[in-house]
Amino acid sequence: MYKIVLLRHGESVWNKKGLFTGWTDVGLTLRGRSEAREAGQKLKNKGFIFDLAYTSLLKRASTTLDLVLKELDQEQIPIKIDWRLNERHYGNLQGLNKTATAKKFGLQQVLLWRRSYAVRPPEITPQNPYNQEHDAKYKNIKVPKSESLKDVVARVVPFWQQEIIPKLKNHQRIIITASGNSLRALIKHLDRISPQKIAQLNIPTGIPLIYEFNSKMQIQRHYYLADSKKLKLAVNRVKEQVQQSTK
């Protein structure tokens, strides 16, 4: 049996402020750091040992990973950074307040930008201070001007097929820390969720999600390391963030 851990980063500063973040590189709140440490403790209590870790180029994800590995006393394992695990690029919405944007453009339009499968937000302009086009860490990477979830699927699935599957088959124990939409894209692929139903998927911050596969890489089960009550509260918190931004 093969096993992998997926983890959405802890609460970020812009999560808390209700801003569209995307590729903007913001840190974790105190709550987010606490969520990461708690995730590490849960994994430690369940006896998880890792050979390799993956994260994105965004520090909210890499900091989450660092805190988890510190709790596990496994800071020495190799860490691979891959831009394909970055959050969805929110285009010219990056840096805007979600509630104010809904008031300006209308509820339905913002819901389309946030939760539809193939609709992209407006492309980011050169004048936008949160444009990463010339960010040094993206040298040799074509920074998108905007992305839909469909676009994220197009980069995450090859990452999974090229990077992860061969290593799982080689019995490497892996943890991935990433963002809400990059993980939604991966889960859509793994669970074969339709474009219509993926809009309803909410991934809580800081709670490890475990996938187990057989020798044919067929999913045997997947589950969160949280009791049902805590998981429900965490998922509802994500739902409320979406709903509040469109009120």
Protein backbone atom coordinates (compact mmCIF):
# COMPACT_ATOMS: atom_id res chain seq x y z
CA MET A 1 0.00 0.00 0.00
CA TYR A 2 1.16 3.52 -0.86
CA LYS A 3 0.32 6.52 1.26
CA ILE A 4 0.65 10.29 0.85
CA VAL A 5 -0.23 13.29 3.04
CA LEU A 6 -1.74 16.45 1.56
CA LEU A 7 -1.86 19.57 3.72
CA ARG A 8 -3.32 23.00 3.03
CA HIS A 9 -1.20 25.72 4.60
CA GLY A 10 -2.32 27.36 7.83
CA GLU A 11 -4.29 30.59 7.87
CA SER A 12 -2.41 33.36 6.06
CA VAL A 13 -2.33 37.08 6.81
CA TRP A 14 -4.46 37.80 3.75
CA ASN A 15 -6.89 34.97 4.54
CA LYS A 16 -7.57 36.79 7.78
CA LYS A 17 -7.92 40.17 6.06
CA GLY A 18 -10.26 38.80 3.40
CA LEU A 19 -8.02 39.72 0.46
CA PHE A 20 -7.53 37.87 -2.83
CA THR A 21 -4.06 36.39 -2.46
CA GLY A 22 -3.18 34.13 -5.38
CA TRP A 23 0.57 34.29 -6.04
CA THR A 24 1.13 37.17 -3.62
CA ASP A 25 3.69 35.90 -1.13
CA VAL A 26 2.23 36.54 2.31
CA GLY A 27 3.05 34.88 5.62
CA LEU A 28 1.05 32.97 8.20
CA THR A 29 -0.93 34.44 11.07
CA LEU A 30 -0.31 33.24 14.61
CA ARG A 31 -3.34 31.02 14.14
CA GLY A 32 -1.86 29.67 10.91
CA ARG A 33 1.41 28.80 12.62
CA SER A 34 -0.51 27.10 15.40
CA GLU A 35 -2.50 25.09 12.84
CA ALA A 36 0.74 23.94 11.22
CA ARG A 37 2.27 22.85 14.53
CA GLU A 38 -0.91 21.01 15.45
CA ALA A 39 -0.85 19.21 12.10
CA GLY A 40 2.71 18.10 12.85
CA GLN A 41 1.68 16.84 16.26
CA LYS A 42 -1.19 14.83 14.78
CA LEU A 43 1.11 13.23 12.23
CA LYS A 44 3.66 12.46 14.93
CA ASN A 45 1.03 10.85 17.15
CA LYS A 46 0.02 8.61 14.24
CA GLY A 47 3.61 7.58 13.61
CA PHE A 48 4.09 9.19 10.21
CA ILE A 49 7.64 9.18 8.87
CA PHE A 50 8.54 10.91 5.61
CA ASP A 51 11.32 10.43 3.07
CA LEU A 52 10.53 13.47 0.96
CA ALA A 53 8.44 16.66 1.06
CA TYR A 54 7.05 18.97 -1.62
CA THR A 55 5.84 22.53 -1.34
CA SER A 56 5.24 25.58 -3.51
CA LEU A 57 7.20 28.78 -4.03
CA LEU A 58 4.87 30.56 -1.62
CA LYS A 59 6.15 31.04 1.93
CA ARG A 60 2.77 30.37 3.55
CA ALA A 61 3.07 26.80 2.26
CA SER A 62 6.81 26.37 2.88
CA THR A 63 6.56 27.82 6.40
CA THR A 64 3.71 25.42 7.15
CA LEU A 65 5.90 22.55 5.99
CA ASP A 66 8.86 23.73 8.08
CA LEU A 67 6.70 23.89 11.22
CA VAL A 68 5.23 20.44 10.56
CA LEU A 69 8.64 18.84 10.05
CA LYS A 70 9.97 20.52 13.18
CA GLU A 71 7.16 18.97 15.23
CA LEU A 72 7.97 15.61 13.66
CA ASP A 73 11.71 16.05 14.26
CA GLN A 74 12.19 15.29 10.56
CA GLU A 75 13.68 18.58 9.40
CA GLN A 76 16.53 16.75 7.68
CA ILE A 77 14.45 15.20 4.89
CA PRO A 78 14.80 16.56 1.32
CA ILE A 79 12.32 19.29 0.39
CA LYS A 80 11.45 19.92 -3.25
CA ILE A 81 9.92 23.24 -4.28
CA ASP A 82 7.72 23.29 -7.36
CA TRP A 83 5.86 26.30 -8.76
CA ARG A 84 3.10 24.01 -10.03
CA LEU A 85 1.91 23.71 -6.43
CA ASN A 86 1.36 27.47 -6.23
CA GLU A 87 -2.10 28.78 -5.47
CA ARG A 88 -4.30 29.72 -8.40
CA HIS A 89 -3.27 33.08 -9.88
CA TYR A 90 -6.13 35.49 -9.23
CA GLY A 91 -5.08 38.00 -11.88
CA ASN A 92 -5.99 41.61 -11.27
CA LEU A 93 -8.03 40.65 -8.21
CA GLN A 94 -4.83 40.03 -6.26
CA GLY A 95 -4.64 42.46 -3.36
CA LEU A 96 -8.32 43.42 -3.52
CA ASN A 97 -10.75 43.02 -0.64
CA LYS A 98 -13.21 40.23 -1.43
CA THR A 99 -16.26 41.93 0.03
CA ALA A 100 -15.53 45.26 -1.66
CA THR A 101 -14.97 43.45 -4.96
CA ALA A 102 -18.35 41.75 -4.65
CA LYS A 103 -20.02 45.13 -4.07
CA LYS A 104 -18.28 46.59 -7.11
CA PHE A 105 -18.78 43.78 -9.62
CA GLY A 106 -21.80 41.96 -8.18
CA LEU A 107 -22.22 38.72 -6.26
CA GLN A 108 -22.68 36.41 -9.22
CA GLN A 109 -19.60 37.69 -11.02
CA VAL A 110 -17.38 37.21 -7.98
CA LEU A 111 -18.79 33.72 -7.43
CA LEU A 112 -17.93 32.91 -11.04
CA TRP A 113 -14.37 34.15 -10.55
CA ARG A 114 -13.96 32.29 -7.27
CA ARG A 115 -15.76 28.99 -7.77
CA SER A 116 -16.45 28.29 -11.44
CA TYR A 117 -14.20 25.74 -13.13
CA ALA A 118 -13.17 27.50 -16.33
CA VAL A 119 -13.78 31.25 -15.81
CA ARG A 120 -10.64 33.33 -15.26
CA PRO A 121 -10.56 36.57 -13.26
CA PRO A 122 -9.45 39.72 -15.13
CA GLU A 123 -5.81 39.52 -16.24
CA ILE A 124 -3.33 41.28 -14.00
CA THR A 125 -2.02 44.58 -15.34
CA PRO A 126 1.63 45.68 -15.42
CA GLN A 127 0.70 48.46 -12.98
CA ASN A 128 -0.66 46.08 -10.35
CA PRO A 129 1.84 46.06 -7.43
CA TYR A 130 1.10 42.34 -6.93
CA ASN A 131 2.18 41.33 -10.42
CA GLN A 132 4.85 38.60 -10.14
CA GLU A 133 6.00 38.75 -13.75
CA HIS A 134 9.41 40.18 -12.84
CA ASP A 135 9.81 38.46 -9.47
CA ALA A 136 13.29 36.92 -9.36
CA LYS A 137 12.08 33.62 -7.93
CA TYR A 138 10.03 33.01 -11.07
CA LYS A 139 12.99 33.30 -13.42
CA ASN A 140 12.47 30.91 -16.36
CA ILE A 141 8.83 30.39 -15.33
CA LYS A 142 6.06 31.91 -17.43
CA VAL A 143 3.98 33.68 -14.80
CA PRO A 144 0.28 33.52 -15.69
CA LYS A 145 -1.73 36.72 -15.98
CA SER A 146 -4.77 34.94 -14.53
CA GLU A 147 -5.92 31.37 -13.93
CA SER A 148 -9.12 29.38 -13.64
CA LEU A 149 -9.23 26.16 -11.64
CA LYS A 150 -9.06 24.36 -14.99
CA ASP A 151 -5.70 26.03 -15.61
CA VAL A 152 -4.45 24.88 -12.21
CA VAL A 153 -5.52 21.31 -13.00
CA ALA A 154 -3.47 21.54 -16.21
CA ARG A 155 -0.27 22.16 -14.22
CA VAL A 156 -0.97 20.07 -11.10
CA VAL A 157 -1.88 16.81 -12.87
CA PRO A 158 1.44 16.58 -14.79
CA PHE A 159 3.23 17.34 -11.51
CA TRP A 160 1.40 14.41 -9.90
CA GLN A 161 2.07 12.06 -12.79
CA GLN A 162 5.71 13.01 -13.38
CA GLU A 163 6.93 13.70 -9.85
CA ILE A 164 4.76 11.89 -7.35
CA ILE A 165 3.52 8.61 -8.82
CA PRO A 166 7.02 7.25 -9.65
CA LYS A 167 8.22 8.04 -6.12
CA LEU A 168 5.17 6.49 -4.47
CA LYS A 169 5.73 3.35 -6.52
CA ASN A 170 9.30 3.40 -5.22
CA HIS A 171 7.83 3.31 -1.70
CA GLN A 172 8.84 6.85 -0.79
CA ARG A 173 6.76 8.41 1.96
CA ILE A 174 5.70 11.89 0.88
CA ILE A 175 4.02 14.97 2.32
CA ILE A 176 2.81 17.86 0.14
CA THR A 177 1.95 21.28 1.57
CA ALA A 178 0.21 23.60 -0.83
CA SER A 179 -2.71 26.01 -1.20
CA GLY A 180 -6.45 25.58 -1.35
CA ASN A 181 -6.86 25.65 -5.13
CA SER A 182 -3.77 23.63 -6.03
CA LEU A 183 -5.01 20.92 -3.68
CA ARG A 184 -8.57 21.22 -5.00
CA ALA A 185 -7.14 20.68 -8.50
CA LEU A 186 -5.26 17.58 -7.37
CA ILE A 187 -8.23 16.16 -5.47
CA LYS A 188 -10.47 16.76 -8.48
CA HIS A 189 -8.11 14.56 -10.49
CA LEU A 190 -7.69 11.87 -7.83
CA ASP A 191 -11.38 11.56 -6.96
CA ARG A 192 -12.63 12.20 -10.49
CA ILE A 193 -14.85 15.05 -9.36
CA SER A 194 -16.85 16.75 -12.11
CA PRO A 195 -16.31 20.42 -12.98
CA GLN A 196 -19.79 21.11 -11.62
CA LYS A 197 -19.24 19.43 -8.25
CA ILE A 198 -15.72 20.65 -7.58
CA ALA A 199 -17.18 24.07 -6.73
CA GLN A 200 -18.61 22.55 -3.56
CA LEU A 201 -15.28 21.17 -2.30
CA ASN A 202 -13.84 23.07 0.66
CA ILE A 203 -10.44 22.09 2.06
CA PRO A 204 -9.75 23.14 5.66
CA THR A 205 -6.47 24.79 6.59
CA GLY A 206 -3.94 22.88 8.66
CA ILE A 207 -5.62 19.45 8.78
CA PRO A 208 -3.67 16.57 7.16
CA LEU A 209 -5.52 14.68 4.43
CA ILE A 210 -4.31 11.11 3.88
CA TYR A 211 -4.67 9.17 0.62
CA GLU A 212 -3.95 5.44 0.48
CA PHE A 213 -3.44 3.56 -2.81
CA ASN A 214 -3.04 -0.07 -3.83
CA SER A 215 -0.28 -1.38 -6.10
CA LYS A 216 -2.23 -0.22 -9.17
CA MET A 217 -2.42 3.30 -7.74
CA GLN A 218 -6.14 2.97 -7.16
CA ILE A 219 -7.45 4.88 -4.16
CA GLN A 220 -8.37 2.59 -1.29
CA ARG A 221 -9.47 5.34 1.07
CA HIS A 222 -8.82 8.91 2.06
CA TYR A 223 -9.44 10.65 5.35
CA TYR A 224 -8.57 13.71 7.43
CA LEU A 225 -6.64 13.45 10.68
CA ALA A 226 -9.40 15.11 12.69
CA ASP A 227 -12.51 14.01 14.51
CA SER A 228 -15.81 14.66 12.74
CA LYS A 229 -16.74 17.63 14.92
CA LYS A 230 -13.45 19.48 14.44
CA LEU A 231 -13.40 18.69 10.73
CA LYS A 232 -16.92 20.04 10.27
CA LEU A 233 -16.03 23.26 12.08
CA ALA A 234 -12.89 23.71 9.96
CA VAL A 235 -14.73 23.07 6.68
CA ASN A 236 -17.54 25.41 7.69
CA ARG A 237 -14.98 28.11 8.42
CA VAL A 238 -13.77 27.88 4.82
CA LYS A 239 -17.36 27.94 3.54
CA GLU A 240 -18.07 31.05 5.58
CA GLN A 241 -15.07 32.84 4.07
CA VAL A 242 -16.53 32.24 0.61
CA GLN A 243 -20.04 33.29 1.66
CA GLN A 244 -18.94 36.38 3.58
CA SER A 245 -16.97 37.68 0.63
CA THR A 246 -20.10 37.65 -1.51
CA LYS A 247 -22.53 39.29 0.91
